[in-house]
PDB file of N, CA and C in Angstrom:
ATOM      1  N   SER A   1      20.102  26.223  17.284  1.00  0.00           N
ATOM      2  CA  SER A   1      19.226  26.085  18.447  1.00  0.00           C
ATOM      3  C   SER A   1      18.373  24.826  18.331  1.00  0.00           C
ATOM      4  N   ALA A   2      17.780  24.431  19.419  1.00  0.00           N
ATOM      5  CA  ALA A   2      16.950  23.225  19.435  1.00  0.00           C
ATOM      6  C   ALA A   2      15.735  23.383  18.522  1.00  0.00           C
ATOM      7  N   LYS A   3      15.190  24.603  18.480  1.00  0.00           N
ATOM      8  CA  LYS A   3      14.011  24.858  17.649  1.00  0.00           C
ATOM      9  C   LYS A   3      14.355  24.675  16.169  1.00  0.00           C
ATOM     10  N   ASN A   4      15.554  25.139  15.791  1.00  0.00           N
ATOM     11  CA  ASN A   4      15.987  25.009  14.408  1.00  0.00           C
ATOM     12  C   ASN A   4      16.170  23.539  14.037  1.00  0.00           C
ATOM     13  N   LEU A   5      16.730  22.756  14.957  1.00  0.00           N
ATOM     14  CA  LEU A   5      16.935  21.329  14.721  1.00  0.00           C
ATOM     15  C   LEU A   5      15.592  20.628  14.539  1.00  0.00           C
ATOM     16  N   GLN A   6      14.627  21.012  15.374  1.00  0.00           N
ATOM     17  CA  GLN A   6      13.293  20.428  15.291  1.00  0.00           C
ATOM     18  C   GLN A   6      12.665  20.745  13.931  1.00  0.00           C
ATOM     19  N   PHE A   7      12.895  21.963  13.463  1.00  0.00           N
ATOM     20  CA  PHE A   7      12.365  22.377  12.167  1.00  0.00           C
ATOM     21  C   PHE A   7      12.982  21.546  11.047  1.00  0.00           C
ATOM     22  N   GLU A   8      14.291  21.315  11.130  1.00  0.00           N
ATOM     23  CA  GLU A   8      14.970  20.516  10.107  1.00  0.00           C
ATOM     24  C   GLU A   8      14.470  19.083  10.109  1.00  0.00           C
ATOM     25  N   LYS A   9      14.254  18.533  11.296  1.00  0.00           N
ATOM     26  CA  LYS A   9      13.733  17.173  11.406  1.00  0.00           C
ATOM     27  C   LYS A   9      12.346  17.082  10.763  1.00  0.00           C
ATOM     28  N   ALA A  10      11.515  18.090  11.033  1.00  0.00           N
ATOM     29  CA  ALA A  10      10.162  18.115  10.483  1.00  0.00           C
ATOM     30  C   ALA A  10      10.202  18.202   8.961  1.00  0.00           C
ATOM     31  N   ALA A  11      11.100  19.023   8.440  1.00  0.00           N
ATOM     32  CA  ALA A  11      11.224  19.170   6.992  1.00  0.00           C
ATOM     33  C   ALA A  11      11.699  17.867   6.357  1.00  0.00           C
ATOM     34  N   GLN A  12      12.633  17.197   7.023  1.00  0.00           N
ATOM     35  CA  GLN A  12      13.151  15.925   6.521  1.00  0.00           C
ATOM     36  C   GLN A  12      12.034  14.880   6.515  1.00  0.00           C
ATOM     37  N   PHE A  13      11.259  14.858   7.603  1.00  0.00           N
ATOM     38  CA  PHE A  13      10.149  13.923   7.723  1.00  0.00           C
ATOM     39  C   PHE A  13       9.126  14.170   6.622  1.00  0.00           C
ATOM     40  N   ARG A  14       8.819  15.472   6.378  1.00  0.00           N
ATOM     41  CA  ARG A  14       7.858  15.839   5.336  1.00  0.00           C
ATOM     42  C   ARG A  14       8.345  15.382   3.962  1.00  0.00           C
ATOM     43  N   ASP A  15       9.650  15.559   3.709  1.00  0.00           N
ATOM     44  CA  ASP A  15      10.212  15.138   2.428  1.00  0.00           C
ATOM     45  C   ASP A  15      10.095  13.633   2.248  1.00  0.00           C
ATOM     46  N   GLU A  16      10.322  12.875   3.325  1.00  0.00           N
ATOM     47  CA  GLU A  16      10.216  11.419   3.244  1.00  0.00           C
ATOM     48  C   GLU A  16       8.783  10.999   2.970  1.00  0.00           C
ATOM     49  N   ILE A  17       7.830  11.635   3.636  1.00  0.00           N
ATOM     50  CA  ILE A  17       6.412  11.344   3.412  1.00  0.00           C
ATOM     51  C   ILE A  17       6.044  11.644   1.959  1.00  0.00           C
ATOM     52  N   PHE A  18       6.515  12.803   1.474  1.00  0.00           N
ATOM     53  CA  PHE A  18       6.232  13.210   0.103  1.00  0.00           C
ATOM     54  C   PHE A  18       6.757  12.166  -0.883  1.00  0.00           C
ATOM     55  N   GLU A  19       7.984  11.696  -0.651  1.00  0.00           N
ATOM     56  CA  GLU A  19       8.599  10.702  -1.527  1.00  0.00           C
ATOM     57  C   GLU A  19       7.818   9.389  -1.487  1.00  0.00           C
ATOM     58  N   LEU A  20       7.397   8.968  -0.296  1.00  0.00           N
ATOM     59  CA  LEU A  20       6.626   7.734  -0.170  1.00  0.00           C
ATOM     60  C   LEU A  20       5.300   7.842  -0.913  1.00  0.00           C
ATOM     61  N   ARG A  21       4.636   9.001  -0.772  1.00  0.00           N
ATOM     62  CA  ARG A  21       3.356   9.191  -1.466  1.00  0.00           C
ATOM     63  C   ARG A  21       3.554   9.187  -2.981  1.00  0.00           C
ATOM     64  N   ARG A  22       4.687   9.761  -3.431  1.00  0.00           N
ATOM     65  CA  ARG A  22       4.984   9.795  -4.862  1.00  0.00           C
ATOM     66  C   ARG A  22       5.179   8.371  -5.386  1.00  0.00           C
ATOM     67  N   LEU A  23       5.929   7.574  -4.639  1.00  0.00           N
ATOM     68  CA  LEU A  23       6.168   6.193  -5.045  1.00  0.00           C
ATOM     69  C   LEU A  23       4.869   5.399  -5.047  1.00  0.00           C
ATOM     70  N   LEU A  24       4.026   5.654  -4.051  1.00  0.00           N
ATOM     71  CA  LEU A  24       2.752   4.956  -3.949  1.00  0.00           C
ATOM     72  C   LEU A  24       1.855   5.304  -5.137  1.00  0.00           C
ATOM     73  N   ALA A  25       1.814   6.578  -5.488  1.00  0.00           N
ATOM     74  CA  ALA A  25       1.010   7.023  -6.625  1.00  0.00           C
ATOM     75  C   ALA A  25       1.520   6.389  -7.911  1.00  0.00           C
ATOM     76  N   LEU A  26       2.845   6.305  -8.027  1.00  0.00           N
ATOM     77  CA  LEU A  26       3.467   5.698  -9.191  1.00  0.00           C
ATOM     78  C   LEU A  26       3.064   4.228  -9.293  1.00  0.00           C
ATOM     79  N   GLU A  27       3.076   3.544  -8.151  1.00  0.00           N
ATOM     80  CA  GLU A  27       2.730   2.128  -8.101  1.00  0.00           C
ATOM     81  C   GLU A  27       1.271   1.917  -8.478  1.00  0.00           C
ATOM     82  N   GLU A  28       0.395   2.807  -7.992  1.00  0.00           N
ATOM     83  CA  GLU A  28      -1.026   2.697  -8.309  1.00  0.00           C
ATOM     84  C   GLU A  28      -1.261   2.885  -9.800  1.00  0.00           C
ATOM     85  N   LYS A  29      -0.527   3.821 -10.412  1.00  0.00           N
ATOM     86  CA  LYS A  29      -0.647   4.034 -11.855  1.00  0.00           C
ATOM     87  C   LYS A  29      -0.254   2.772 -12.602  1.00  0.00           C
ATOM     88  N   THR A  30       0.831   2.129 -12.138  1.00  0.00           N
ATOM     89  CA  THR A  30       1.318   0.909 -12.779  1.00  0.00           C
ATOM     90  C   THR A  30       0.272  -0.191 -12.703  1.00  0.00           C
ATOM     91  N   LEU A  31      -0.466  -0.244 -11.592  1.00  0.00           N
ATOM     92  CA  LEU A  31      -1.491  -1.267 -11.415  1.00  0.00           C
ATOM     93  C   LEU A  31      -2.758  -0.929 -12.203  1.00  0.00           C
ATOM     94  N   GLY A  32      -2.815   0.288 -12.748  1.00  0.00           N
ATOM     95  CA  GLY A  32      -3.947   0.666 -13.570  1.00  0.00           C
ATOM     96  C   GLY A  32      -5.148   1.121 -12.770  1.00  0.00           C
ATOM     97  N   SER A  33      -4.949   1.525 -11.521  1.00  0.00           N
ATOM     98  CA  SER A  33      -6.069   2.003 -10.712  1.00  0.00           C
ATOM     99  C   SER A  33      -5.979   3.513 -10.525  1.00  0.00           C
ATOM    100  N   GLY A  34      -5.395   4.201 -11.486  1.00  0.00           N
ATOM    101  CA  GLY A  34      -5.212   5.639 -11.384  1.00  0.00           C
ATOM    102  C   GLY A  34      -6.517   6.411 -11.424  1.00  0.00           C
ATOM    103  N   ASP A  35      -7.607   5.744 -11.875  1.00  0.00           N
ATOM    104  CA  ASP A  35      -8.883   6.447 -11.968  1.00  0.00           C
ATOM    105  C   ASP A  35      -9.644   6.426 -10.644  1.00  0.00           C
ATOM    106  N   LEU A  36      -9.143   5.673  -9.655  1.00  0.00           N
ATOM    107  CA  LEU A  36      -9.798   5.629  -8.355  1.00  0.00           C
ATOM    108  C   LEU A  36      -9.477   6.882  -7.558  1.00  0.00           C
ATOM    109  N   MET A  37     -10.392   7.263  -6.683  1.00  0.00           N
ATOM    110  CA  MET A  37     -10.136   8.398  -5.797  1.00  0.00           C
ATOM    111  C   MET A  37      -9.047   8.017  -4.802  1.00  0.00           C
ATOM    112  N   PRO A  38      -8.138   8.941  -4.497  1.00  0.00           N
ATOM    113  CA  PRO A  38      -7.127   8.641  -3.482  1.00  0.00           C
ATOM    114  C   PRO A  38      -7.786   8.438  -2.126  1.00  0.00           C
ATOM    115  N   GLU A  39      -7.228   7.529  -1.335  1.00  0.00           N
ATOM    116  CA  GLU A  39      -7.799   7.255  -0.022  1.00  0.00           C
ATOM    117  C   GLU A  39      -7.586   8.431   0.924  1.00  0.00           C
ATOM    118  N   ASP A  40      -8.424   8.488   1.933  1.00  0.00           N
ATOM    119  CA  ASP A  40      -8.266   9.502   2.971  1.00  0.00           C
ATOM    120  C   ASP A  40      -6.961   9.236   3.716  1.00  0.00           C
ATOM    121  N   PRO A  41      -6.023  10.183   3.703  1.00  0.00           N
ATOM    122  CA  PRO A  41      -4.723   9.942   4.354  1.00  0.00           C
ATOM    123  C   PRO A  41      -4.852   9.611   5.836  1.00  0.00           C
ATOM    124  N   VAL A  42      -5.885  10.149   6.498  1.00  0.00           N
ATOM    125  CA  VAL A  42      -6.072   9.847   7.922  1.00  0.00           C
ATOM    126  C   VAL A  42      -6.418   8.375   8.096  1.00  0.00           C
ATOM    127  N   ALA A  43      -7.293   7.851   7.242  1.00  0.00           N
ATOM    128  CA  ALA A  43      -7.678   6.448   7.316  1.00  0.00           C
ATOM    129  C   ALA A  43      -6.473   5.552   7.050  1.00  0.00           C
ATOM    130  N   VAL A  44      -5.640   5.962   6.100  1.00  0.00           N
ATOM    131  CA  VAL A  44      -4.445   5.188   5.775  1.00  0.00           C
ATOM    132  C   VAL A  44      -3.506   5.147   6.967  1.00  0.00           C
ATOM    133  N   GLU A  45      -3.312   6.303   7.622  1.00  0.00           N
ATOM    134  CA  GLU A  45      -2.415   6.359   8.777  1.00  0.00           C
ATOM    135  C   GLU A  45      -2.936   5.480   9.903  1.00  0.00           C
ATOM    136  N   GLU A  46      -4.257   5.407  10.076  1.00  0.00           N
ATOM    137  CA  GLU A  46      -4.824   4.567  11.131  1.00  0.00           C
ATOM    138  C   GLU A  46      -4.588   3.101  10.815  1.00  0.00           C
ATOM    139  N   GLU A  47      -4.656   2.724   9.546  1.00  0.00           N
ATOM    140  CA  GLU A  47      -4.376   1.348   9.150  1.00  0.00           C
ATOM    141  C   GLU A  47      -2.939   0.985   9.457  1.00  0.00           C
ATOM    142  N   LEU A  48      -2.014   1.929   9.207  1.00  0.00           N
ATOM    143  CA  LEU A  48      -0.595   1.672   9.413  1.00  0.00           C
ATOM    144  C   LEU A  48      -0.220   1.672  10.885  1.00  0.00           C
ATOM    145  N   ALA A  49      -1.018   2.312  11.720  1.00  0.00           N
ATOM    146  CA  ALA A  49      -0.684   2.440  13.146  1.00  0.00           C
ATOM    147  C   ALA A  49      -0.746   1.093  13.859  1.00  0.00           C
TER     148      ALA A  49
END
């Protein structure tokens, strides 16, 4: 059904976001800024918009 397809799309999107955040966290650790507080995700999304 269309609802099921929408659910799968949402899950796929969530997985991609999760992977991007994981890579970003990994990159921040490499830069040595792991002790900083993570940014507000809403503020980050507004920057990217």
